Amino acid sequence: MYSVSTRKQEIVVAALAIADEEGLGAVTMRAVAERVGVTPMALYGHIPDKEGLLDSMVGQLLSEISLPGPEGSWRARLTVLANEARALARKHPGAVPLLFARPTVTADAVQVVDAIYLALLDAGAPTAEIPRLERLLSTVVLGYAASEASGRFSAALNPRARRAHLPEGELRGHACVLEWLEKPVDWDAEFREDLEDMMSLIERLAGAA
């Protein structure tokens, strides 16, 4: 017989699988029940409602992030968290948009945010700026990771097709950077550079404190 915690885990994992295969719109209590092999009513003993299911999915996603230990530098710890988020988006491309839509209300979610706070504190960032910096850092990292995992970046990297939507000469910005638009992108290098830019911003704020 399943324990409550084991059955709930099975339900949440099933919901994530549906999201990754068919998108978040396909995640319904009925669809999850069918995946698990029970009636929809049987889910309510473990998950109160659809909102609770979505929150549990966020918790499950963030539980897959390995938190860095306290012994590393603040830069190293933030880099670990960023790379973990990128790996998470690759593993769950259909479900990771939930991280933009749901609050961090589960224990796993709050622990990830707290790890970022601690790294920012160790960086010397002003305490008044830390909540804003966490939101900025999380949005940049997750936005990049989700865009890369979903294929949005690669789908957009066709400057000739993009320019074809308007008459020649109207996209003056595209024309100015055309040489760089048509070069292949090293996504790993770009991600590292984006992180370095964020670190520089944190250091600048810490130095001004």
Protein backbone atom coordinates (compact mmCIF):
# COMPACT_ATOMS: atom_id res chain seq x y z
CA MET A 1 0.00 0.00 0.00
CA TYR A 2 1.16 3.52 -0.84
CA SER A 3 1.82 6.00 1.94
CA VAL A 4 0.31 9.46 1.55
CA SER A 5 3.72 11.00 0.78
CA THR A 6 4.60 8.31 -1.76
CA ARG A 7 1.28 8.61 -3.56
CA LYS A 8 1.50 12.41 -3.62
CA GLN A 9 5.00 12.17 -5.08
CA GLU A 10 3.70 9.82 -7.77
CA ILE A 11 0.89 12.26 -8.60
CA VAL A 12 3.23 15.25 -8.89
CA VAL A 13 5.77 13.35 -11.00
CA ALA A 14 2.92 12.27 -13.31
CA ALA A 15 1.79 15.89 -13.66
CA LEU A 16 5.33 16.97 -14.58
CA ALA A 17 5.54 14.22 -17.18
CA ILE A 18 2.29 15.39 -18.78
CA ALA A 19 3.54 18.99 -18.84
CA ASP A 20 6.82 17.99 -20.46
CA GLU A 21 5.09 15.83 -23.07
CA GLU A 22 2.05 17.97 -23.88
CA GLY A 23 2.47 21.37 -22.24
CA LEU A 24 1.06 22.87 -19.06
CA GLY A 25 -2.38 23.25 -20.61
CA ALA A 26 -2.70 19.47 -20.65
CA VAL A 27 -2.22 19.18 -16.90
CA THR A 28 -5.69 18.57 -15.43
CA MET A 29 -6.77 16.57 -12.42
CA ARG A 30 -8.46 14.12 -14.77
CA ALA A 31 -5.38 13.69 -16.96
CA VAL A 32 -3.14 13.17 -13.94
CA ALA A 33 -5.59 10.66 -12.45
CA GLU A 34 -5.58 8.70 -15.71
CA ARG A 35 -1.79 8.73 -15.78
CA VAL A 36 -1.60 7.44 -12.20
CA GLY A 37 -4.40 4.94 -12.74
CA VAL A 38 -6.98 6.23 -10.26
CA THR A 39 -10.22 8.20 -10.39
CA PRO A 40 -9.99 12.03 -10.23
CA MET A 41 -11.72 11.99 -6.84
CA ALA A 42 -8.96 9.77 -5.47
CA LEU A 43 -6.43 12.56 -6.04
CA TYR A 44 -8.11 14.91 -3.59
CA GLY A 45 -6.96 12.91 -0.60
CA HIS A 46 -3.42 13.90 -1.53
CA ILE A 47 -3.75 17.16 -3.54
CA PRO A 48 -6.45 19.65 -2.47
CA ASP A 49 -7.10 21.16 -5.92
CA LYS A 50 -5.49 22.19 -9.22
CA GLU A 51 -3.76 25.15 -7.57
CA GLY A 52 -2.26 22.85 -4.97
CA LEU A 53 -1.08 20.53 -7.72
CA LEU A 54 0.67 23.37 -9.54
CA ASP A 55 2.37 24.52 -6.32
CA SER A 56 3.50 20.96 -5.66
CA MET A 57 4.90 20.78 -9.19
CA VAL A 58 6.97 23.91 -8.48
CA GLY A 59 8.23 22.33 -5.29
CA GLN A 60 9.15 19.13 -7.13
CA LEU A 61 10.98 21.06 -9.84
CA LEU A 62 13.04 23.04 -7.35
CA SER A 63 13.73 19.96 -5.23
CA GLU A 64 15.78 18.72 -8.18
CA ILE A 65 18.19 21.64 -7.81
CA SER A 66 21.26 20.65 -5.79
CA LEU A 67 22.01 23.49 -3.39
CA PRO A 68 25.67 24.49 -3.09
CA GLY A 69 27.40 24.15 0.25
CA PRO A 70 28.40 27.21 2.27
CA GLU A 71 32.12 26.69 1.78
CA GLY A 72 32.35 28.07 -1.77
CA SER A 73 32.66 31.71 -2.75
CA TRP A 74 29.46 33.63 -3.41
CA ARG A 75 30.31 33.68 -7.11
CA ALA A 76 30.83 29.91 -7.18
CA ARG A 77 27.56 29.29 -5.33
CA LEU A 78 25.52 31.51 -7.64
CA THR A 79 27.16 29.85 -10.64
CA VAL A 80 26.20 26.41 -9.32
CA LEU A 81 22.59 27.52 -8.82
CA ALA A 82 22.46 29.06 -12.30
CA ASN A 83 23.81 25.93 -13.96
CA GLU A 84 21.39 23.77 -11.95
CA ALA A 85 18.49 25.94 -13.17
CA ARG A 86 19.68 25.58 -16.75
CA ALA A 87 19.88 21.80 -16.39
CA LEU A 88 16.42 21.77 -14.84
CA ALA A 89 14.96 23.65 -17.82
CA ARG A 90 16.52 21.17 -20.21
CA LYS A 91 15.07 18.27 -18.24
CA HIS A 92 11.58 19.78 -17.90
CA PRO A 93 11.10 22.16 -20.86
CA GLY A 94 7.32 21.92 -20.71
CA ALA A 95 6.99 22.40 -16.97
CA VAL A 96 9.64 25.00 -16.20
CA PRO A 97 7.41 27.98 -17.22
CA LEU A 98 5.56 27.25 -13.95
CA LEU A 99 8.48 28.86 -12.13
CA PHE A 100 7.46 32.19 -13.68
CA ALA A 101 3.79 31.79 -12.80
CA ARG A 102 3.68 30.37 -9.28
CA PRO A 103 4.91 31.83 -5.97
CA THR A 104 7.70 30.11 -4.01
CA VAL A 105 5.50 28.63 -1.29
CA THR A 106 6.95 25.15 -0.83
CA ALA A 107 9.90 24.27 1.41
CA ASP A 108 12.12 23.35 -1.56
CA ALA A 109 11.34 26.60 -3.35
CA VAL A 110 12.04 28.73 -0.28
CA GLN A 111 15.38 26.97 0.31
CA VAL A 112 16.56 27.85 -3.21
CA VAL A 113 15.65 31.51 -2.69
CA ASP A 114 17.38 31.49 0.70
CA ALA A 115 20.56 30.11 -0.86
CA ILE A 116 20.55 33.05 -3.28
CA TYR A 117 19.98 35.51 -0.42
CA LEU A 118 22.95 34.06 1.49
CA ALA A 119 25.23 34.32 -1.55
CA LEU A 120 24.19 37.94 -2.11
CA LEU A 121 24.78 38.73 1.56
CA ASP A 122 28.27 37.21 1.34
CA ALA A 123 28.90 39.32 -1.77
CA GLY A 124 28.33 42.40 0.35
CA ALA A 125 25.22 43.54 -1.49
CA PRO A 126 23.14 46.05 0.51
CA THR A 127 20.40 44.19 2.38
CA ALA A 128 17.79 46.60 1.00
CA GLU A 129 18.75 45.54 -2.55
CA ILE A 130 18.87 41.78 -1.99
CA PRO A 131 15.18 40.97 -2.66
CA ARG A 132 15.35 42.95 -5.93
CA LEU A 133 18.65 41.36 -6.93
CA GLU A 134 17.28 37.88 -6.27
CA ARG A 135 14.27 38.61 -8.49
CA LEU A 136 16.49 40.04 -11.21
CA LEU A 137 18.98 37.17 -11.08
CA SER A 138 16.27 34.49 -10.99
CA THR A 139 14.36 36.06 -13.88
CA VAL A 140 17.44 36.40 -16.07
CA VAL A 141 18.71 32.87 -15.39
CA LEU A 142 15.34 31.14 -15.65
CA GLY A 143 14.32 33.22 -18.67
CA TYR A 144 17.49 32.28 -20.52
CA ALA A 145 17.25 28.64 -19.50
CA ALA A 146 13.57 28.31 -20.42
CA SER A 147 14.05 30.11 -23.76
CA GLU A 148 16.98 27.89 -24.66
CA ALA A 149 15.22 24.68 -23.62
CA SER A 150 12.02 25.52 -25.50
CA GLY A 151 13.89 26.27 -28.71
CA ARG A 152 12.84 29.93 -28.76
CA PHE A 153 16.40 31.15 -29.23
CA SER A 154 17.30 28.82 -32.07
CA ALA A 155 13.95 29.36 -33.79
CA ALA A 156 14.57 33.11 -33.83
CA LEU A 157 18.09 32.84 -35.23
CA ASN A 158 17.16 33.24 -38.86
CA PRO A 159 17.80 36.90 -39.60
CA ARG A 160 17.01 36.62 -43.28
CA ALA A 161 13.58 35.11 -42.61
CA ARG A 162 12.95 37.72 -39.92
CA ARG A 163 13.84 40.60 -42.25
CA ALA A 164 11.52 39.21 -44.89
CA HIS A 165 8.52 40.28 -42.79
CA LEU A 166 9.15 43.92 -43.70
CA PRO A 167 10.37 45.73 -46.82
CA GLU A 168 14.12 46.00 -47.29
CA GLY A 169 15.60 48.87 -45.33
CA GLU A 170 12.95 49.16 -42.63
CA LEU A 171 14.77 47.05 -40.07
CA ARG A 172 17.69 49.43 -39.58
CA GLY A 173 18.68 47.87 -36.26
CA HIS A 174 18.94 44.43 -37.83
CA ALA A 175 21.05 45.86 -40.66
CA CYS A 176 23.53 47.36 -38.19
CA VAL A 177 24.16 44.08 -36.36
CA LEU A 178 23.63 41.73 -39.29
CA GLU A 179 27.21 40.46 -39.24
CA TRP A 180 26.75 39.26 -35.67
CA LEU A 181 23.23 37.95 -36.18
CA GLU A 182 24.45 35.53 -38.81
CA LYS A 183 27.29 34.11 -36.73
CA PRO A 184 26.69 30.80 -34.89
CA VAL A 185 26.02 31.21 -31.18
CA ASP A 186 27.94 29.36 -28.48
CA TRP A 187 25.13 29.04 -25.93
CA ASP A 188 27.43 27.88 -23.14
CA ALA A 189 29.73 30.87 -23.62
CA GLU A 190 26.80 33.27 -23.82
CA PHE A 191 25.33 31.89 -20.59
CA ARG A 192 28.68 32.31 -18.84
CA GLU A 193 28.97 35.88 -20.10
CA ASP A 194 25.45 36.71 -18.93
CA LEU A 195 26.29 35.36 -15.49
CA GLU A 196 29.49 37.39 -15.42
CA ASP A 197 27.50 40.54 -16.23
CA MET A 198 25.15 39.78 -13.34
CA MET A 199 28.10 39.20 -10.98
CA SER A 200 29.61 42.52 -12.03
CA LEU A 201 26.34 44.28 -11.23
CA ILE A 202 26.27 42.66 -7.77
CA GLU A 203 29.87 43.71 -7.12
CA ARG A 204 29.14 47.26 -8.23
CA LEU A 205 26.25 47.52 -5.81
CA ALA A 206 28.32 45.98 -3.02
CA GLY A 207 31.08 48.49 -3.67
CA ALA A 208 28.66 51.39 -3.49
CA ALA A 209 27.22 50.25 -0.14
